[in-house]
Amino acid sequence: MFKSLVPIVAVICVPVWLAGCGNTRFEEPEEYVSTKAERDRIRYGTIHGNPEGFLLFSTNRNRSTDGADGGPGGGIAVNPFLWRAALETIDFMPLTQTDPLGGVIITDWYTPPESPNERFKLNVYILDRALRADGIKVSVFRQSRDDAGWNDTAVDPTTATGIEDNILTRARELRVASAGSAES
């Protein structure tokens, strides 16, 4: 008779016992962080509201104050001077996508007024938090129109390099201006 009761008791008792495990509560000492938001803020940092500057995906508080490494000068995960310089440099082109956390700027096709049978598109990638020459990559796409429609055409390799140089020059100007205003 006991052999036939064991499976029935197991079917009834085991789920009740397991359900009771999920309801165990304990009190955290006051020095522990009790909210998920606070734990996330400590673990990942904040975008704003930090008296030591901007933090994002980092708890490293030993950073420079000029924004070159994403310190107080930036609320984004890439170099703020490169980001702003890139946006200013290509501001004449319509933007399709911008991602300040990933450092990606994608433009829509732009047709210069002086050449209505060709159009350009740019992809700008900011690759680093430091203001360095290898911290930015620009891809240029060009199409020309004929009777069949728009066709991909070759782009002079110096075009992308020239745009990268313009962005870097503007980023350096922004950094110098920022350092000058911080001293005042």
Protein backbone atom coordinates (compact mmCIF):
# COMPACT_ATOMS: atom_id res chain seq x y z
CA MET A 1 0.00 0.00 0.00
CA PHE A 2 2.86 2.45 0.74
CA LYS A 3 4.33 1.85 -2.71
CA SER A 4 1.18 3.20 -4.35
CA LEU A 5 1.04 6.29 -2.07
CA VAL A 6 4.63 7.43 -2.70
CA PRO A 7 3.99 8.71 -6.28
CA ILE A 8 0.79 10.46 -5.21
CA VAL A 9 2.48 12.15 -2.26
CA ALA A 10 5.42 13.13 -4.49
CA VAL A 11 3.12 14.66 -7.10
CA ILE A 12 1.37 16.74 -4.43
CA CYS A 13 4.27 17.64 -2.11
CA VAL A 14 7.09 18.40 -4.54
CA PRO A 15 5.27 21.24 -6.39
CA VAL A 16 4.13 22.74 -3.07
CA TRP A 17 7.67 22.54 -1.73
CA LEU A 18 9.12 24.12 -4.92
CA ALA A 19 6.52 26.90 -4.90
CA GLY A 20 7.51 27.76 -1.37
CA CYS A 21 11.14 28.28 -2.45
CA GLY A 22 10.18 31.21 -4.67
CA ASN A 23 8.58 33.14 -1.84
CA THR A 24 11.64 33.31 0.37
CA ARG A 25 12.29 36.91 1.35
CA PHE A 26 15.21 38.38 3.18
CA GLU A 27 16.08 41.84 4.37
CA GLU A 28 19.12 43.54 2.86
CA PRO A 29 21.31 45.52 5.20
CA GLU A 30 20.96 49.29 4.70
CA GLU A 31 24.41 49.61 3.13
CA TYR A 32 23.32 47.39 0.21
CA VAL A 33 21.72 48.96 -2.82
CA SER A 34 18.13 47.86 -2.84
CA THR A 35 16.66 49.06 -6.15
CA LYS A 36 17.41 47.66 -9.58
CA ALA A 37 17.73 51.17 -10.98
CA GLU A 38 20.42 52.03 -8.44
CA ARG A 39 22.33 48.78 -9.14
CA ASP A 40 22.16 49.48 -12.89
CA ARG A 41 23.36 53.06 -12.36
CA ILE A 42 26.37 51.83 -10.40
CA ARG A 43 27.11 49.06 -12.88
CA TYR A 44 26.56 50.89 -16.19
CA GLY A 45 26.85 54.56 -15.27
CA THR A 46 24.56 57.40 -16.24
CA ILE A 47 24.14 59.70 -19.16
CA HIS A 48 23.57 62.81 -17.03
CA GLY A 49 23.25 63.95 -13.47
CA ASN A 50 26.62 62.71 -12.27
CA PRO A 51 28.59 65.43 -10.47
CA GLU A 52 31.83 63.79 -11.62
CA GLY A 53 30.80 64.02 -15.27
CA PHE A 54 29.06 61.79 -17.71
CA LEU A 55 29.30 58.04 -17.33
CA LEU A 56 28.03 55.52 -19.79
CA PHE A 57 28.80 51.79 -19.76
CA SER A 58 31.62 52.41 -17.35
CA THR A 59 32.19 52.86 -13.68
CA ASN A 60 35.70 54.22 -14.25
CA ARG A 61 35.64 57.63 -12.60
CA ASN A 62 39.33 58.35 -13.26
CA ARG A 63 38.88 60.02 -16.61
CA SER A 64 39.98 63.27 -18.15
CA THR A 65 37.82 66.35 -17.96
CA ASP A 66 38.36 67.49 -21.57
CA GLY A 67 35.88 64.99 -23.00
CA ALA A 68 38.51 63.27 -25.13
CA ASP A 69 37.74 59.92 -23.57
CA GLY A 70 34.02 60.42 -23.06
CA GLY A 71 34.51 62.18 -19.73
CA PRO A 72 32.47 65.15 -18.63
CA GLY A 73 32.58 66.56 -22.13
CA GLY A 74 30.43 63.81 -23.58
CA GLY A 75 27.17 62.05 -22.91
CA ILE A 76 27.78 59.55 -25.67
CA ALA A 77 29.83 56.40 -25.93
CA VAL A 78 32.11 57.79 -28.66
CA ASN A 79 34.34 60.83 -28.71
CA PRO A 80 31.99 63.83 -28.39
CA PHE A 81 34.23 66.10 -30.45
CA LEU A 82 34.39 63.64 -33.34
CA TRP A 83 30.62 63.12 -33.12
CA ARG A 84 29.79 66.81 -33.23
CA ALA A 85 32.40 67.55 -35.91
CA ALA A 86 31.04 64.75 -38.11
CA LEU A 87 27.49 66.09 -37.81
CA GLU A 88 28.64 69.64 -38.56
CA THR A 89 30.77 68.57 -41.52
CA ILE A 90 27.99 66.68 -43.29
CA ASP A 91 25.08 68.88 -42.17
CA PHE A 92 24.17 69.68 -45.81
CA MET A 93 23.23 66.03 -46.42
CA PRO A 94 19.93 64.50 -45.24
CA LEU A 95 20.43 62.06 -42.39
CA THR A 96 18.87 58.60 -42.46
CA GLN A 97 20.22 57.21 -39.20
CA THR A 98 22.29 58.47 -36.28
CA ASP A 99 23.42 56.35 -33.38
CA PRO A 100 25.52 58.28 -30.83
CA LEU A 101 26.05 55.19 -28.69
CA GLY A 102 27.39 53.13 -31.59
CA GLY A 103 29.02 56.07 -33.35
CA VAL A 104 27.20 55.61 -36.66
CA ILE A 105 25.91 58.32 -38.99
CA ILE A 106 24.25 57.28 -42.24
CA THR A 107 23.08 59.84 -44.76
CA ASP A 108 20.47 59.57 -47.44
CA TRP A 109 21.35 60.21 -51.08
CA TYR A 110 22.38 63.80 -51.77
CA THR A 111 22.34 65.32 -55.25
CA PRO A 112 24.53 68.42 -55.58
CA PRO A 113 22.69 71.27 -57.32
CA GLU A 114 25.52 71.73 -59.83
CA SER A 115 25.41 68.07 -60.99
CA PRO A 116 21.84 66.72 -61.02
CA ASN A 117 22.88 63.42 -62.66
CA GLU A 118 25.00 62.19 -59.78
CA ARG A 119 24.32 61.61 -56.11
CA PHE A 120 26.32 60.70 -53.03
CA LYS A 121 25.73 58.87 -49.79
CA LEU A 122 27.98 58.70 -46.70
CA ASN A 123 28.42 56.27 -43.85
CA VAL A 124 30.44 57.75 -40.98
CA TYR A 125 31.75 55.47 -38.24
CA ILE A 126 33.31 56.85 -35.08
CA LEU A 127 35.43 53.99 -33.83
CA ASP A 128 37.03 55.25 -30.64
CA ARG A 129 36.47 57.39 -27.58
CA ALA A 130 39.80 59.11 -28.14
CA LEU A 131 40.34 61.96 -30.57
CA ARG A 132 42.69 60.14 -32.94
CA ALA A 133 43.10 59.97 -36.71
CA ASP A 134 42.15 56.29 -36.75
CA GLY A 135 39.06 56.98 -34.64
CA ILE A 136 36.90 57.80 -37.65
CA LYS A 137 36.05 55.98 -40.88
CA VAL A 138 34.03 57.40 -43.77
CA SER A 139 32.57 55.35 -46.62
CA VAL A 140 31.44 57.26 -49.70
CA PHE A 141 28.98 55.88 -52.25
CA ARG A 142 28.36 57.50 -55.61
CA GLN A 143 25.75 56.88 -58.28
CA SER A 144 25.24 58.45 -61.67
CA ARG A 145 22.05 58.58 -63.69
CA ASP A 146 21.69 57.48 -67.28
CA ASP A 147 18.75 56.27 -69.39
CA ALA A 148 18.53 53.03 -67.35
CA GLY A 149 18.38 54.82 -63.98
CA TRP A 150 20.88 55.18 -61.15
CA ASN A 151 24.08 53.12 -61.43
CA ASP A 152 26.90 52.72 -58.92
CA THR A 153 30.10 54.44 -60.02
CA ALA A 154 33.62 54.53 -58.68
CA VAL A 155 34.55 57.05 -56.02
CA ASP A 156 37.95 58.69 -55.86
CA PRO A 157 39.64 57.14 -52.77
CA THR A 158 40.85 60.55 -51.63
CA THR A 159 37.24 61.71 -51.19
CA ALA A 160 36.68 59.66 -48.03
CA THR A 161 40.10 60.63 -46.70
CA GLY A 162 39.36 64.31 -47.34
CA ILE A 163 36.07 64.11 -45.45
CA GLU A 164 37.80 62.30 -42.56
CA ASP A 165 40.46 65.05 -42.48
CA ASN A 166 37.79 67.78 -42.42
CA ILE A 167 36.02 66.04 -39.53
CA LEU A 168 39.27 65.62 -37.60
CA THR A 169 40.22 69.26 -38.15
CA ARG A 170 36.83 70.44 -36.90
CA ALA A 171 36.99 68.05 -33.92
CA ARG A 172 40.37 69.48 -32.91
CA GLU A 173 38.95 73.02 -33.19
CA LEU A 174 36.05 72.03 -30.95
CA ARG A 175 38.41 70.50 -28.41
CA VAL A 176 40.62 73.60 -28.31
CA ALA A 177 37.55 75.82 -27.94
CA SER A 178 36.28 73.59 -25.13
CA ALA A 179 39.60 73.70 -23.30
CA GLY A 180 39.69 77.50 -23.69
CA SER A 181 36.22 77.94 -22.27
CA ALA A 182 36.98 75.59 -19.37
CA GLU A 183 39.92 77.77 -18.29
CA SER A 184 37.83 80.96 -18.23
